[in-house]
Amino acid sequence: MTTTMQNYGLTWTDLDGTPRASVVSYDQASAEQRKARLEAAGCTAVEVVETKPGERPQPKA
């Protein structure tokens, strides 16, 4: 049996309106925790996005 690791990244908008994206990959549970911390800090449009190994999400314009 093989286990496939799924990677996730995040995109969000900072308090000053700057679009951002994570530069690290997370597992799903960690990505959801990071999303909650970003939202608690006041960031908006926080999204968890599925990524491939070595791939980074792009900030939304």
N, C-alpha and C. Protein backbone atom coordinates (compact mmCIF):
# COMPACT_ATOMS: atom_id res chain seq x y z
N MET A 1 0.84 -1.17 0.00
CA MET A 1 0.00 0.00 0.00
C MET A 1 0.90 1.24 0.00
N THR A 2 0.56 2.21 -0.83
CA THR A 2 1.33 3.45 -0.89
C THR A 2 0.52 4.59 -0.28
N THR A 3 1.23 5.51 0.30
CA THR A 3 0.61 6.70 0.87
C THR A 3 1.05 7.89 0.04
N THR A 4 0.10 8.69 -0.37
CA THR A 4 0.41 9.87 -1.16
C THR A 4 0.29 11.09 -0.28
N MET A 5 1.35 11.85 -0.22
CA MET A 5 1.35 13.10 0.56
C MET A 5 0.75 14.20 -0.31
N GLN A 6 -0.24 14.87 0.21
CA GLN A 6 -0.83 16.00 -0.51
C GLN A 6 -0.31 17.28 0.11
N ASN A 7 0.08 18.21 -0.73
CA ASN A 7 0.62 19.49 -0.27
C ASN A 7 -0.41 20.59 -0.44
N TYR A 8 -0.36 21.55 0.47
CA TYR A 8 -1.27 22.70 0.43
C TYR A 8 -0.47 23.97 0.68
N GLY A 9 -0.92 25.05 0.08
CA GLY A 9 -0.36 26.36 0.32
C GLY A 9 -1.51 27.31 0.64
N LEU A 10 -1.17 28.55 0.93
CA LEU A 10 -2.21 29.53 1.26
C LEU A 10 -2.01 30.80 0.46
N THR A 11 -3.12 31.44 0.15
CA THR A 11 -3.09 32.78 -0.41
C THR A 11 -3.96 33.65 0.49
N TRP A 12 -3.62 34.93 0.60
CA TRP A 12 -4.39 35.85 1.43
C TRP A 12 -4.06 37.27 1.07
N THR A 13 -4.81 38.20 1.66
CA THR A 13 -4.56 39.62 1.49
C THR A 13 -4.24 40.20 2.86
N ASP A 14 -3.08 40.87 2.94
CA ASP A 14 -2.66 41.50 4.20
C ASP A 14 -3.58 42.64 4.58
N LEU A 15 -3.40 43.13 5.79
CA LEU A 15 -4.20 44.25 6.29
C LEU A 15 -4.06 45.50 5.42
N ASP A 16 -2.88 45.67 4.80
CA ASP A 16 -2.66 46.84 3.95
C ASP A 16 -3.10 46.63 2.51
N GLY A 17 -3.72 45.48 2.21
CA GLY A 17 -4.24 45.20 0.87
C GLY A 17 -3.28 44.50 -0.06
N THR A 18 -2.12 44.09 0.44
CA THR A 18 -1.12 43.41 -0.39
C THR A 18 -1.45 41.92 -0.51
N PRO A 19 -1.58 41.40 -1.75
CA PRO A 19 -1.82 39.96 -1.93
C PRO A 19 -0.55 39.18 -1.56
N ARG A 20 -0.73 38.10 -0.85
CA ARG A 20 0.39 37.26 -0.40
C ARG A 20 0.12 35.80 -0.70
N ALA A 21 1.20 35.00 -0.69
CA ALA A 21 1.10 33.55 -0.85
C ALA A 21 2.19 32.90 0.00
N SER A 22 1.89 31.73 0.51
CA SER A 22 2.87 31.02 1.33
C SER A 22 4.03 30.53 0.47
N VAL A 23 5.19 30.43 1.08
CA VAL A 23 6.37 29.93 0.38
C VAL A 23 6.75 28.54 0.88
N VAL A 24 5.96 27.99 1.77
CA VAL A 24 6.18 26.64 2.28
C VAL A 24 4.94 25.80 1.99
N SER A 25 5.11 24.50 2.02
CA SER A 25 3.99 23.58 1.83
C SER A 25 3.55 23.07 3.19
N TYR A 26 2.26 22.83 3.31
CA TYR A 26 1.68 22.32 4.55
C TYR A 26 0.91 21.05 4.26
N ASP A 27 0.73 20.22 5.30
CA ASP A 27 -0.27 19.16 5.18
C ASP A 27 -1.62 19.84 5.45
N GLN A 28 -2.71 19.14 5.25
CA GLN A 28 -4.01 19.78 5.32
C GLN A 28 -4.31 20.34 6.71
N ALA A 29 -4.02 19.59 7.75
CA ALA A 29 -4.31 20.07 9.11
C ALA A 29 -3.50 21.33 9.43
N SER A 30 -2.24 21.34 9.06
CA SER A 30 -1.39 22.51 9.32
C SER A 30 -1.84 23.71 8.50
N ALA A 31 -2.27 23.48 7.27
CA ALA A 31 -2.75 24.58 6.42
C ALA A 31 -4.00 25.20 7.03
N GLU A 32 -4.90 24.38 7.56
CA GLU A 32 -6.12 24.90 8.19
C GLU A 32 -5.78 25.70 9.45
N GLN A 33 -4.79 25.24 10.21
CA GLN A 33 -4.36 25.98 11.41
C GLN A 33 -3.76 27.33 11.02
N ARG A 34 -2.93 27.34 9.98
CA ARG A 34 -2.33 28.59 9.52
C ARG A 34 -3.41 29.54 9.01
N LYS A 35 -4.41 29.01 8.31
CA LYS A 35 -5.51 29.83 7.82
C LYS A 35 -6.21 30.51 9.00
N ALA A 36 -6.48 29.76 10.04
CA ALA A 36 -7.15 30.32 11.22
C ALA A 36 -6.32 31.42 11.86
N ARG A 37 -4.99 31.23 11.92
CA ARG A 37 -4.12 32.27 12.51
C ARG A 37 -4.11 33.53 11.64
N LEU A 38 -4.08 33.38 10.33
CA LEU A 38 -4.11 34.54 9.44
C LEU A 38 -5.42 35.30 9.58
N GLU A 39 -6.52 34.58 9.63
CA GLU A 39 -7.83 35.23 9.79
C GLU A 39 -7.92 35.94 11.14
N ALA A 40 -7.38 35.32 12.19
CA ALA A 40 -7.40 35.93 13.52
C ALA A 40 -6.57 37.21 13.54
N ALA A 41 -5.54 37.28 12.68
CA ALA A 41 -4.69 38.47 12.60
C ALA A 41 -5.32 39.57 11.76
N GLY A 42 -6.48 39.28 11.14
CA GLY A 42 -7.18 40.30 10.37
C GLY A 42 -6.97 40.23 8.87
N CYS A 43 -6.26 39.21 8.38
CA CYS A 43 -6.07 39.06 6.94
C CYS A 43 -7.39 38.62 6.30
N THR A 44 -7.58 38.99 5.04
CA THR A 44 -8.81 38.66 4.34
C THR A 44 -8.52 37.76 3.14
N ALA A 45 -9.58 37.20 2.57
CA ALA A 45 -9.50 36.35 1.38
C ALA A 45 -8.49 35.21 1.57
N VAL A 46 -8.48 34.62 2.76
CA VAL A 46 -7.55 33.53 3.06
C VAL A 46 -8.09 32.25 2.44
N GLU A 47 -7.27 31.61 1.60
CA GLU A 47 -7.67 30.37 0.94
C GLU A 47 -6.57 29.33 1.05
N VAL A 48 -6.98 28.10 1.30
CA VAL A 48 -6.07 26.96 1.26
C VAL A 48 -6.15 26.40 -0.16
N VAL A 49 -5.00 26.26 -0.82
CA VAL A 49 -4.99 25.75 -2.19
C VAL A 49 -4.09 24.52 -2.28
N GLU A 50 -4.53 23.55 -3.05
CA GLU A 50 -3.77 22.33 -3.26
C GLU A 50 -2.59 22.64 -4.19
N THR A 51 -1.40 22.14 -3.84
CA THR A 51 -0.22 22.35 -4.66
C THR A 51 0.46 21.02 -4.93
N LYS A 52 1.33 21.02 -5.93
CA LYS A 52 2.15 19.86 -6.23
C LYS A 52 3.50 20.04 -5.55
N PRO A 53 4.24 18.98 -5.31
CA PRO A 53 5.56 19.12 -4.68
C PRO A 53 6.44 20.10 -5.46
N GLY A 54 7.04 21.03 -4.75
CA GLY A 54 7.91 22.03 -5.37
C GLY A 54 7.18 23.22 -5.96
N GLU A 55 5.87 23.20 -5.97
CA GLU A 55 5.07 24.28 -6.53
C GLU A 55 4.63 25.23 -5.42
N ARG A 56 4.57 26.53 -5.74
CA ARG A 56 4.09 27.52 -4.79
C ARG A 56 2.87 28.21 -5.36
N PRO A 57 1.88 28.50 -4.50
CA PRO A 57 0.72 29.24 -5.01
C PRO A 57 1.11 30.67 -5.37
N GLN A 58 0.38 31.26 -6.28
CA GLN A 58 0.63 32.65 -6.69
C GLN A 58 -0.36 33.56 -5.98
N PRO A 59 0.12 34.71 -5.50
CA PRO A 59 -0.82 35.66 -4.87
C PRO A 59 -1.87 36.11 -5.88
N LYS A 60 -3.07 36.33 -5.40
CA LYS A 60 -4.15 36.80 -6.28
C LYS A 60 -4.03 38.31 -6.44
N ALA A 61 -4.12 38.77 -7.64
CA ALA A 61 -3.98 40.20 -7.91
C ALA A 61 -5.20 40.97 -7.52
